[in-house]
Amino acid sequence: MLYLFYGENDFLSRRNLRRVLEAKRAGAALHRLNSENATEEALVNLLATDRDLFGTKLIVVLDELLKTDFSKTIFVYRDTLAESKNLYIIFEKSLEKTLIKKFEKAA
C-alpha cells in the first residue's frame, strides 16, 4: 500500500502524517528512510519482508526523497511499493504536478 503526502505548510503536513501514523501504527513497526540512511538495499530488504523480526507489519516513511538521487530507486520500485501488504508513505514538502501524475495510479 502506497500513500503520497505533500504540502507547502511543513507544520500542517507533518501533523497530518503523525495522525496517520498514530492511527495505523497499532501493532506495526515504524521505519523511516531519509537522505541520510536511504539506500536501495535498505528499501529492497523492507520490501522483501511482510513482517519484521517480531511478526508485526511494517510502516515505512520515505521522508523527502523524491528530490534526491534516491528518487530513481523509488520510481523503479513504485509498483512494488503499491502492491505491498505493508504501508509505504512518501512524504514531501512540495511536488510538481508531473511527479504527482507519476503516482496517480500507484498511490
N, C-alpha and C. Protein backbone atom coordinates (compact mmCIF):
# COMPACT_ATOMS: atom_id res chain seq x y z
N MET A 1 0.85 -1.15 0.00
CA MET A 1 0.00 0.00 0.00
C MET A 1 0.91 1.24 0.00
N LEU A 2 0.60 2.19 -0.85
CA LEU A 2 1.44 3.37 -1.00
C LEU A 2 0.59 4.63 -0.85
N TYR A 3 1.02 5.50 0.07
CA TYR A 3 0.39 6.81 0.26
C TYR A 3 1.39 7.87 -0.13
N LEU A 4 0.88 8.98 -0.65
CA LEU A 4 1.72 10.12 -1.03
C LEU A 4 1.21 11.34 -0.28
N PHE A 5 2.02 11.89 0.61
CA PHE A 5 1.68 13.09 1.38
C PHE A 5 2.57 14.23 0.92
N TYR A 6 1.96 15.38 0.68
CA TYR A 6 2.76 16.56 0.34
C TYR A 6 1.97 17.80 0.71
N GLY A 7 2.70 18.87 0.94
CA GLY A 7 2.07 20.13 1.28
C GLY A 7 3.10 21.20 1.56
N GLU A 8 2.81 22.41 1.14
CA GLU A 8 3.74 23.52 1.32
C GLU A 8 3.93 23.88 2.79
N ASN A 9 2.89 23.73 3.59
CA ASN A 9 2.97 24.06 5.01
C ASN A 9 3.54 22.84 5.75
N ASP A 10 4.82 22.89 6.06
CA ASP A 10 5.50 21.75 6.66
C ASP A 10 4.89 21.35 8.00
N PHE A 11 4.51 22.32 8.82
CA PHE A 11 3.94 22.02 10.12
C PHE A 11 2.64 21.23 9.99
N LEU A 12 1.73 21.70 9.14
CA LEU A 12 0.44 21.01 8.97
C LEU A 12 0.62 19.65 8.30
N SER A 13 1.50 19.58 7.32
CA SER A 13 1.74 18.32 6.62
C SER A 13 2.29 17.26 7.56
N ARG A 14 3.26 17.65 8.37
CA ARG A 14 3.85 16.70 9.33
C ARG A 14 2.84 16.31 10.42
N ARG A 15 1.98 17.25 10.80
CA ARG A 15 0.95 16.92 11.78
C ARG A 15 -0.01 15.88 11.20
N ASN A 16 -0.40 16.04 9.95
CA ASN A 16 -1.27 15.06 9.30
C ASN A 16 -0.57 13.71 9.17
N LEU A 17 0.71 13.74 8.86
CA LEU A 17 1.48 12.50 8.78
C LEU A 17 1.50 11.80 10.15
N ARG A 18 1.74 12.55 11.21
CA ARG A 18 1.75 11.97 12.55
C ARG A 18 0.39 11.36 12.90
N ARG A 19 -0.68 12.01 12.50
CA ARG A 19 -2.03 11.48 12.78
C ARG A 19 -2.26 10.14 12.07
N VAL A 20 -1.84 10.07 10.84
CA VAL A 20 -1.99 8.82 10.10
C VAL A 20 -1.13 7.74 10.74
N LEU A 21 0.09 8.08 11.11
CA LEU A 21 0.97 7.10 11.74
C LEU A 21 0.39 6.61 13.06
N GLU A 22 -0.18 7.51 13.84
CA GLU A 22 -0.79 7.10 15.11
C GLU A 22 -1.97 6.16 14.87
N ALA A 23 -2.76 6.44 13.85
CA ALA A 23 -3.93 5.62 13.56
C ALA A 23 -3.53 4.24 13.02
N LYS A 24 -2.51 4.20 12.22
CA LYS A 24 -2.10 2.94 11.57
C LYS A 24 -1.05 2.17 12.36
N ARG A 25 -0.42 2.81 13.33
CA ARG A 25 0.74 2.22 13.98
C ARG A 25 0.41 1.08 14.94
N ALA A 26 -0.80 0.96 15.38
CA ALA A 26 -1.15 -0.09 16.35
C ALA A 26 -0.72 -1.45 15.79
N GLY A 27 0.23 -2.06 16.45
CA GLY A 27 0.70 -3.38 16.02
C GLY A 27 1.62 -3.36 14.82
N ALA A 28 2.21 -2.22 14.50
CA ALA A 28 3.10 -2.12 13.35
C ALA A 28 4.42 -1.49 13.77
N ALA A 29 5.48 -1.86 13.07
CA ALA A 29 6.80 -1.30 13.33
C ALA A 29 7.06 -0.17 12.34
N LEU A 30 7.57 0.95 12.84
CA LEU A 30 7.80 2.13 12.00
C LEU A 30 9.27 2.21 11.59
N HIS A 31 9.49 2.42 10.28
CA HIS A 31 10.83 2.63 9.74
C HIS A 31 10.80 3.93 8.95
N ARG A 32 11.88 4.70 9.06
CA ARG A 32 12.00 5.95 8.30
C ARG A 32 13.25 5.89 7.45
N LEU A 33 13.07 6.20 6.17
CA LEU A 33 14.20 6.35 5.28
C LEU A 33 14.27 7.82 4.89
N ASN A 34 15.43 8.43 5.10
CA ASN A 34 15.62 9.82 4.72
C ASN A 34 16.92 9.95 3.94
N SER A 35 17.35 11.16 3.65
CA SER A 35 18.53 11.37 2.83
C SER A 35 19.80 10.82 3.48
N GLU A 36 19.79 10.64 4.77
CA GLU A 36 20.98 10.14 5.47
C GLU A 36 21.09 8.62 5.49
N ASN A 37 19.97 7.92 5.46
CA ASN A 37 20.04 6.46 5.60
C ASN A 37 19.39 5.68 4.47
N ALA A 38 18.89 6.33 3.44
CA ALA A 38 18.19 5.64 2.36
C ALA A 38 19.19 5.03 1.38
N THR A 39 19.06 3.72 1.22
CA THR A 39 19.82 3.01 0.20
C THR A 39 18.88 2.05 -0.51
N GLU A 40 19.24 1.66 -1.70
CA GLU A 40 18.41 0.71 -2.42
C GLU A 40 18.35 -0.62 -1.67
N GLU A 41 19.46 -1.00 -1.07
CA GLU A 41 19.50 -2.25 -0.31
C GLU A 41 18.52 -2.21 0.87
N ALA A 42 18.45 -1.09 1.57
CA ALA A 42 17.53 -0.96 2.70
C ALA A 42 16.08 -1.07 2.23
N LEU A 43 15.76 -0.41 1.11
CA LEU A 43 14.40 -0.47 0.59
C LEU A 43 14.04 -1.88 0.12
N VAL A 44 14.95 -2.53 -0.57
CA VAL A 44 14.71 -3.89 -1.05
C VAL A 44 14.51 -4.84 0.13
N ASN A 45 15.30 -4.68 1.18
CA ASN A 45 15.13 -5.53 2.37
C ASN A 45 13.76 -5.32 3.01
N LEU A 46 13.31 -4.08 3.07
CA LEU A 46 11.98 -3.81 3.63
C LEU A 46 10.88 -4.38 2.74
N LEU A 47 11.07 -4.29 1.43
CA LEU A 47 10.07 -4.83 0.50
C LEU A 47 10.02 -6.35 0.54
N ALA A 48 11.13 -6.96 0.87
CA ALA A 48 11.21 -8.43 0.86
C ALA A 48 10.54 -9.06 2.08
N THR A 49 10.25 -8.28 3.09
CA THR A 49 9.65 -8.83 4.31
C THR A 49 8.21 -8.37 4.46
N ASP A 50 7.34 -9.31 4.76
CA ASP A 50 5.95 -8.97 5.06
C ASP A 50 5.81 -8.48 6.48
N ARG A 51 6.67 -8.99 7.34
CA ARG A 51 6.61 -8.64 8.76
C ARG A 51 8.04 -8.52 9.28
N ASP A 52 8.20 -7.81 10.38
CA ASP A 52 9.54 -7.64 10.93
C ASP A 52 9.91 -8.84 11.80
N LEU A 53 10.99 -8.75 12.52
CA LEU A 53 11.52 -9.83 13.34
C LEU A 53 10.53 -10.32 14.39
N PHE A 54 9.67 -9.44 14.86
CA PHE A 54 8.72 -9.79 15.91
C PHE A 54 7.33 -10.12 15.37
N GLY A 55 7.20 -10.21 14.05
CA GLY A 55 5.93 -10.59 13.45
C GLY A 55 4.94 -9.47 13.25
N THR A 56 5.40 -8.22 13.38
CA THR A 56 4.48 -7.10 13.19
C THR A 56 4.62 -6.53 11.78
N LYS A 57 3.54 -5.97 11.29
CA LYS A 57 3.56 -5.34 9.98
C LYS A 57 4.47 -4.11 10.01
N LEU A 58 4.83 -3.64 8.82
CA LEU A 58 5.74 -2.51 8.70
C LEU A 58 5.04 -1.27 8.17
N ILE A 59 5.45 -0.12 8.69
CA ILE A 59 5.10 1.17 8.11
C ILE A 59 6.43 1.84 7.79
N VAL A 60 6.61 2.20 6.54
CA VAL A 60 7.87 2.80 6.10
C VAL A 60 7.59 4.20 5.56
N VAL A 61 8.24 5.20 6.14
CA VAL A 61 8.11 6.58 5.68
C VAL A 61 9.34 6.93 4.87
N LEU A 62 9.12 7.30 3.63
CA LEU A 62 10.19 7.78 2.74
C LEU A 62 10.14 9.30 2.81
N ASP A 63 10.99 9.86 3.63
CA ASP A 63 10.91 11.26 4.02
C ASP A 63 11.75 12.16 3.11
N GLU A 64 11.07 12.91 2.27
CA GLU A 64 11.68 13.90 1.36
C GLU A 64 12.80 13.31 0.51
N LEU A 65 12.48 12.23 -0.19
CA LEU A 65 13.48 11.55 -1.02
C LEU A 65 13.26 11.73 -2.51
N LEU A 66 12.15 12.32 -2.91
CA LEU A 66 11.89 12.46 -4.35
C LEU A 66 12.74 13.54 -5.01
N LYS A 67 13.35 14.39 -4.23
CA LYS A 67 14.20 15.44 -4.80
C LYS A 67 15.68 15.10 -4.64
N THR A 68 15.96 13.84 -4.36
CA THR A 68 17.34 13.38 -4.24
C THR A 68 17.60 12.34 -5.33
N ASP A 69 18.80 11.82 -5.38
CA ASP A 69 19.13 10.76 -6.34
C ASP A 69 18.35 9.48 -6.06
N PHE A 70 17.87 9.34 -4.83
CA PHE A 70 17.12 8.14 -4.45
C PHE A 70 15.77 8.06 -5.17
N SER A 71 15.33 9.16 -5.76
CA SER A 71 14.04 9.16 -6.46
C SER A 71 14.01 8.13 -7.59
N LYS A 72 15.14 7.90 -8.24
CA LYS A 72 15.21 6.89 -9.31
C LYS A 72 14.87 5.51 -8.75
N THR A 73 15.36 5.23 -7.57
CA THR A 73 15.08 3.95 -6.92
C THR A 73 13.60 3.84 -6.58
N ILE A 74 13.02 4.92 -6.10
CA ILE A 74 11.59 4.92 -5.75
C ILE A 74 10.75 4.63 -6.99
N PHE A 75 11.10 5.24 -8.12
CA PHE A 75 10.33 5.01 -9.34
C PHE A 75 10.49 3.58 -9.85
N VAL A 76 11.66 2.99 -9.66
CA VAL A 76 11.87 1.60 -10.07
C VAL A 76 10.95 0.67 -9.28
N TYR A 77 10.79 0.94 -7.98
CA TYR A 77 10.01 0.07 -7.10
C TYR A 77 8.61 0.59 -6.82
N ARG A 78 8.16 1.61 -7.53
CA ARG A 78 6.86 2.24 -7.27
C ARG A 78 5.72 1.23 -7.25
N ASP A 79 5.62 0.38 -8.25
CA ASP A 79 4.51 -0.58 -8.29
C ASP A 79 4.62 -1.63 -7.19
N THR A 80 5.84 -2.02 -6.88
CA THR A 80 6.06 -2.98 -5.79
C THR A 80 5.64 -2.38 -4.45
N LEU A 81 5.95 -1.11 -4.25
CA LEU A 81 5.53 -0.42 -3.03
C LEU A 81 4.01 -0.41 -2.93
N ALA A 82 3.35 -0.13 -4.05
CA ALA A 82 1.88 -0.04 -4.06
C ALA A 82 1.23 -1.40 -3.80
N GLU A 83 1.85 -2.47 -4.27
CA GLU A 83 1.27 -3.80 -4.13
C GLU A 83 1.60 -4.47 -2.80
N SER A 84 2.49 -3.88 -2.04
CA SER A 84 2.94 -4.47 -0.78
C SER A 84 1.81 -4.53 0.25
N LYS A 85 1.88 -5.50 1.13
CA LYS A 85 0.92 -5.60 2.23
C LYS A 85 1.26 -4.59 3.33
N ASN A 86 2.50 -4.13 3.34
CA ASN A 86 2.93 -3.12 4.31
C ASN A 86 2.58 -1.73 3.79
N LEU A 87 2.62 -0.76 4.67
CA LEU A 87 2.27 0.61 4.32
C LEU A 87 3.54 1.42 4.05
N TYR A 88 3.61 2.00 2.87
CA TYR A 88 4.72 2.88 2.50
C TYR A 88 4.15 4.28 2.28
N ILE A 89 4.76 5.26 2.95
CA ILE A 89 4.29 6.64 2.85
C ILE A 89 5.43 7.49 2.30
N ILE A 90 5.18 8.13 1.17
CA ILE A 90 6.14 9.08 0.61
C ILE A 90 5.72 10.45 1.10
N PHE A 91 6.62 11.12 1.81
CA PHE A 91 6.33 12.45 2.35
C PHE A 91 7.24 13.47 1.70
N GLU A 92 6.64 14.53 1.15
CA GLU A 92 7.39 15.62 0.51
C GLU A 92 6.78 16.95 0.91
N LYS A 93 7.61 17.97 0.99
CA LYS A 93 7.09 19.31 1.28
C LYS A 93 6.31 19.85 0.09
N SER A 94 6.84 19.68 -1.09
CA SER A 94 6.13 20.14 -2.28
C SER A 94 6.46 19.22 -3.44
N LEU A 95 5.52 19.11 -4.35
CA LEU A 95 5.70 18.26 -5.53
C LEU A 95 5.21 18.98 -6.77
N GLU A 96 5.90 18.75 -7.85
CA GLU A 96 5.44 19.27 -9.14
C GLU A 96 4.31 18.37 -9.64
N LYS A 97 3.47 18.94 -10.47
CA LYS A 97 2.32 18.18 -10.99
C LYS A 97 2.77 16.96 -11.79
N THR A 98 3.91 17.06 -12.46
CA THR A 98 4.39 15.91 -13.24
C THR A 98 4.73 14.73 -12.33
N LEU A 99 5.29 15.00 -11.16
CA LEU A 99 5.58 13.93 -10.21
C LEU A 99 4.30 13.35 -9.62
N ILE A 100 3.35 14.20 -9.35
CA ILE A 100 2.07 13.72 -8.80
C ILE A 100 1.41 12.78 -9.81
N LYS A 101 1.44 13.12 -11.08
CA LYS A 101 0.83 12.29 -12.12
C LYS A 101 1.49 10.91 -12.19
N LYS A 102 2.79 10.86 -11.93
CA LYS A 102 3.50 9.58 -11.98
C LYS A 102 3.04 8.63 -10.87
N PHE A 103 2.45 9.17 -9.83
CA PHE A 103 2.00 8.33 -8.72
C PHE A 103 0.49 8.15 -8.68
N GLU A 104 -0.25 8.74 -9.59
CA GLU A 104 -1.71 8.69 -9.52
C GLU A 104 -2.27 7.27 -9.48
N LYS A 105 -1.76 6.38 -10.28
CA LYS A 105 -2.30 5.03 -10.32
C LYS A 105 -1.78 4.16 -9.18
N ALA A 106 -0.59 4.47 -8.70
CA ALA A 106 0.02 3.62 -7.68
C ALA A 106 -0.34 4.05 -6.26
N ALA A 107 -0.44 5.35 -6.02
CA ALA A 107 -0.64 5.84 -4.65
C ALA A 107 -2.06 6.34 -4.46
